[in-house]
Protein backbone atom coordinates (compact mmCIF):
# COMPACT_ATOMS: atom_id res chain seq x y z
CA MET A 1 0.00 0.00 0.00
CA ILE A 2 1.34 3.40 -1.02
CA ILE A 3 0.70 6.96 0.11
CA ARG A 4 1.95 9.56 -2.39
CA VAL A 5 2.85 12.92 -0.82
CA ILE A 6 3.82 16.06 -2.72
CA ASP A 7 6.98 17.74 -1.48
CA SER A 8 6.07 21.21 -0.23
CA GLY A 9 8.17 22.92 -2.89
CA SER A 10 6.68 20.93 -5.77
CA ALA A 11 2.96 21.61 -5.37
CA ALA A 12 2.58 24.10 -8.23
CA SER A 13 4.70 22.09 -10.67
CA PHE A 14 2.84 18.88 -9.78
CA VAL A 15 -0.55 20.45 -10.46
CA HIS A 16 0.62 22.15 -13.64
CA ALA A 17 2.16 18.97 -15.06
CA ARG A 18 -1.01 16.95 -14.44
CA ARG A 19 -3.72 19.40 -15.40
CA GLU A 20 -5.07 16.98 -18.00
CA THR A 21 -4.88 13.82 -15.91
CA GLY A 22 -7.32 12.91 -13.18
CA VAL A 23 -6.28 13.05 -9.53
CA ILE A 24 -7.72 13.78 -6.11
CA LEU A 25 -5.63 16.08 -3.92
CA SER A 26 -6.19 16.00 -0.16
CA ALA A 27 -4.44 16.90 3.08
CA LEU A 28 -2.46 14.31 5.04
CA ASN A 29 -3.34 15.28 8.60
CA LEU A 30 -4.73 13.75 11.78
CA PHE A 31 -8.19 13.36 10.31
CA MET A 32 -6.90 11.68 7.14
CA LEU A 33 -4.73 9.25 9.11
CA GLY A 34 -7.89 8.12 10.89
CA PHE A 35 -10.02 8.25 7.73
CA LEU A 36 -7.74 5.72 5.99
CA ARG A 37 -8.83 3.04 8.43
CA GLN A 38 -12.33 3.09 6.94
CA TYR A 39 -11.32 3.86 3.36
CA PRO A 40 -7.94 2.20 2.66
CA GLU A 41 -8.68 2.44 -1.08
CA PHE A 42 -8.59 6.25 -1.00
CA PRO A 43 -4.80 6.56 -1.59
CA THR A 44 -5.12 4.60 -4.86
CA ARG A 45 -6.88 7.65 -6.33
CA ALA A 46 -5.43 10.42 -4.17
CA VAL A 47 -2.20 12.36 -3.82
CA PHE A 48 -1.60 14.17 -0.53
CA TRP A 49 0.14 17.20 0.81
CA CYS A 50 1.55 17.08 4.35
CA ASP A 51 -0.64 19.27 6.54
CA GLY A 52 -0.92 19.63 10.29
CA LEU A 53 1.28 18.54 13.16
CA MET A 54 0.29 14.87 13.00
CA GLY A 55 0.84 14.74 9.26
CA ALA A 56 4.41 15.94 9.78
CA VAL A 57 4.94 13.52 12.69
CA TYR A 58 3.70 10.60 10.59
CA MET A 59 6.01 11.51 7.70
CA ALA A 60 8.96 11.73 10.10
CA LEU A 61 8.11 8.35 11.67
CA LYS A 62 8.07 6.85 8.17
CA CYS A 63 11.55 8.32 7.57
CA SER A 64 10.20 10.60 4.83
CA PRO A 65 10.26 14.03 6.47
CA THR A 66 8.92 16.87 4.36
CA ASN A 67 7.89 20.41 5.16
CA ARG A 68 4.25 21.00 5.98
CA LEU A 69 2.06 22.68 3.41
CA ARG A 70 -1.04 24.36 4.79
CA GLY A 71 -4.29 24.08 2.88
CA VAL A 72 -4.35 27.76 1.97
CA ASP A 73 -0.80 27.47 0.58
CA MET A 74 -1.72 24.36 -1.41
CA LEU A 75 -4.72 26.22 -2.80
CA THR A 76 -2.53 29.17 -3.76
CA ALA A 77 -0.13 26.84 -5.60
CA ALA A 78 -3.00 25.14 -7.42
CA LEU A 79 -4.53 28.46 -8.51
CA LYS A 80 -1.18 29.71 -9.80
CA ALA A 81 -0.77 26.48 -11.77
CA ASN A 82 -4.26 26.89 -13.26
CA SER A 83 -4.08 30.60 -14.05
CA GLY A 84 -6.21 31.30 -17.08
CA GLY A 85 -8.39 28.27 -16.39
CA SER A 86 -11.83 27.70 -14.94
CA ALA A 87 -12.95 26.14 -11.68
CA CYS A 88 -16.05 24.36 -10.48
CA ILE A 89 -16.75 25.00 -6.79
CA LEU A 90 -18.53 22.30 -4.81
CA GLY A 91 -19.47 23.81 -1.46
CA SER A 92 -19.30 27.32 -0.05
CA CYS A 93 -18.06 30.20 -2.19
CA GLY A 94 -18.96 33.80 -1.42
CA GLU A 95 -18.35 37.01 -3.33
CA SER A 96 -14.99 37.57 -1.62
CA ALA A 97 -13.88 34.08 -2.70
CA GLU A 98 -14.82 34.87 -6.30
CA LYS A 99 -12.65 37.99 -6.16
CA ALA A 100 -9.77 35.99 -4.66
CA LEU A 101 -9.89 33.48 -7.52
CA ALA A 102 -10.06 36.30 -10.05
CA ARG A 103 -6.78 37.68 -8.67
CA PHE A 104 -5.14 34.43 -9.81
CA GLY A 105 -6.79 34.60 -13.22
CA VAL A 106 -9.19 31.74 -12.44
CA GLU A 107 -12.79 31.99 -13.57
CA ILE A 108 -15.63 30.23 -11.75
CA ALA A 109 -17.43 28.22 -14.41
CA GLN A 110 -19.86 26.61 -11.98
CA HIS A 111 -20.79 26.77 -8.33
CA HIS A 112 -22.87 24.12 -6.59
CA SER A 113 -23.41 25.12 -2.97
CA LEU A 114 -24.70 21.63 -2.03
CA ASP A 115 -26.68 23.00 0.91
CA PHE A 116 -27.79 20.29 3.32
CA PHE A 117 -25.62 17.88 1.35
CA SER A 118 -26.04 14.17 2.10
CA LEU A 119 -23.97 11.67 0.15
CA ASP A 120 -26.44 8.88 0.87
CA ASN A 121 -29.13 10.25 -1.46
CA PHE A 122 -27.03 12.40 -3.81
CA ASP A 123 -26.85 11.56 -7.52
CA CYS A 124 -23.20 12.23 -8.38
CA GLY A 125 -23.91 11.68 -12.07
CA SER A 126 -26.18 14.72 -12.07
CA LEU A 127 -23.23 17.11 -11.75
CA ASP A 128 -21.88 18.35 -15.08
CA LEU A 129 -18.36 19.46 -14.17
CA SER A 130 -17.57 21.59 -17.22
CA SER A 131 -14.44 23.27 -15.88
CA ASP A 132 -10.68 22.74 -15.87
CA PHE A 133 -10.55 21.64 -12.23
CA VAL A 134 -12.80 21.21 -9.20
CA LEU A 135 -12.44 22.76 -5.75
CA VAL A 136 -14.33 20.88 -3.04
CA THR A 137 -14.92 23.12 -0.01
CA LEU A 138 -17.07 20.82 2.13
CA PRO A 139 -16.17 19.57 5.62
CA SER A 140 -14.24 16.30 5.81
CA PRO A 141 -15.04 13.47 5.19
CA LYS A 142 -17.85 14.63 2.92
CA GLN A 143 -15.45 16.29 0.50
CA GLU A 144 -13.16 13.27 0.21
CA LEU A 145 -16.02 10.82 -0.27
CA LEU A 146 -17.71 13.07 -2.83
CA ALA A 147 -14.45 13.51 -4.76
CA LEU A 148 -13.87 9.74 -4.69
CA ARG A 149 -17.30 9.03 -6.16
CA LEU A 150 -17.13 11.79 -8.75
CA ALA A 151 -13.65 10.73 -9.88
CA ALA A 152 -14.95 7.20 -10.50
CA ILE A 153 -17.41 8.46 -13.15
CA PRO A 154 -15.86 7.97 -16.65
CA LYS A 155 -16.65 11.52 -17.83
CA ASN A 156 -14.61 12.89 -14.91
CA MET A 157 -11.54 10.69 -15.39
CA ASN A 158 -9.31 13.64 -16.34
CA LYS A 159 -10.50 16.04 -13.64
CA HIS A 160 -8.49 17.44 -10.77
CA PHE A 161 -10.45 17.34 -7.51
CA ILE A 162 -8.82 19.47 -4.81
CA CYS A 163 -10.31 18.85 -1.35
CA ILE A 164 -9.57 22.20 0.22
CA GLY A 165 -12.06 22.50 3.10
CA GLY A 166 -12.12 26.05 4.50
CA ALA A 167 -8.92 27.21 2.77
CA LEU A 168 -10.84 29.21 0.17
CA ASN A 169 -12.42 31.28 2.96
CA MET A 170 -8.98 31.94 4.49
CA LEU A 171 -7.57 32.92 1.10
CA SER A 172 -10.33 35.44 0.49
CA ARG A 173 -10.55 36.66 4.11
CA PRO A 174 -7.06 36.56 5.68
CA GLU A 175 -8.45 37.67 9.05
CA LEU A 176 -9.94 34.18 9.42
CA ASP A 177 -6.47 32.61 9.33
CA CYS A 178 -4.73 31.75 12.58
CA PRO A 179 -1.75 33.67 14.06
CA ARG A 180 1.66 33.01 12.59
CA PHE A 181 3.16 31.48 15.75
CA LEU A 182 0.42 28.80 15.78
CA GLN A 183 1.09 28.09 12.12
CA ILE A 184 4.78 27.53 12.88
CA LEU A 185 3.94 25.16 15.73
CA GLY A 186 1.39 23.30 13.62
CA LEU A 187 -1.38 24.11 16.08
CA GLU A 188 -3.92 25.70 13.74
CA PHE A 189 -6.52 23.29 15.07
CA ALA A 190 -6.36 24.98 18.49
CA PHE A 191 -7.22 28.37 16.96
CA ARG A 192 -10.17 26.90 15.06
CA LEU A 193 -11.67 25.41 18.20
CA LYS A 194 -13.06 28.86 18.98
CA THR A 195 -15.81 28.27 16.39
CA ASP A 196 -18.04 25.20 16.09
CA THR A 197 -16.25 24.04 19.23
CA VAL A 198 -18.23 20.93 20.14
CA ARG A 199 -18.13 19.44 16.66
CA ARG A 200 -14.42 20.17 16.24
CA ILE A 201 -13.50 18.66 19.64
CA ASN A 202 -15.55 15.55 18.91
CA ARG A 203 -13.86 15.18 15.54
CA LEU A 204 -10.43 15.75 17.06
CA PHE A 205 -10.83 12.99 19.64
CA GLY A 206 -12.58 10.73 17.13
CA SER A 207 -9.72 11.13 14.65
CA PHE A 208 -7.10 10.49 17.33
CA TYR A 209 -8.92 7.34 18.42
CA SER A 210 -9.11 6.14 14.80
CA VAL A 211 -5.38 6.72 14.35
CA ILE A 212 -4.60 4.63 17.43
CA ARG A 213 -6.82 1.82 16.16
CA ASN A 214 -5.22 2.07 12.73
CA PHE A 215 -1.63 2.20 13.99
CA VAL A 216 -0.61 -1.12 12.44
CA GLY A 217 -2.29 -0.27 9.14
CA LEU A 218 -0.54 3.10 8.94
CA TYR A 219 2.80 1.43 9.63
CA LYS A 220 2.34 -0.80 6.57
CA TYR A 221 1.92 2.07 4.12
CA LYS A 222 4.91 2.93 1.93
CA ILE A 223 5.52 6.66 1.54
CA VAL A 224 6.47 8.04 -1.86
CA VAL A 225 7.47 11.72 -1.83
CA ILE A 226 6.88 13.46 -5.16
CA ASN A 227 9.63 16.01 -5.78
CA GLU A 228 9.64 17.50 -9.25
């Protein structure tokens, strides 16, 4: 079993080189390390960037240390690589986000807010993703599961799905981002606990518990760092 992780300095070149080949991009963090226990097939379709303190710890334990790449920085790299292209947004996208994308020369071809989204009764084939790439801005694991299902549809085989969570909001409204010293320490999660506190704490402990239960499985993964 293999986990492919983009080196922090290669994000833009990776996206640019594969603009016409299908891939799911997602963060390797505490949540993802727990998520893989339930969906071990996810890495066969996904490429990760190392995000969060636990993502960096895991990479170091696997003797493949690489610098962390925050979601907002990964998004910035992806937008630079797709300058002049068009995006489909699945999830939240306000007027300020539209202006932020425009600064990178990216046009929003489509926006599906997916209010009250439930994967159980959602027809993935109903989405016509007529854009160069897709930004999924839903909470995890909804965004990963949606991207996985959409990428399996033949007409989407050459699409980039970038699971970016709330990074688009932070890109368009920098005041929502956490202080620099917490970024350096990898403790962004602590800053975000001030909003939606109960849900975030429950997810934090749930993810940690899943990682402990999946310890042996995570040990068996081979790490491949993409540096190009």
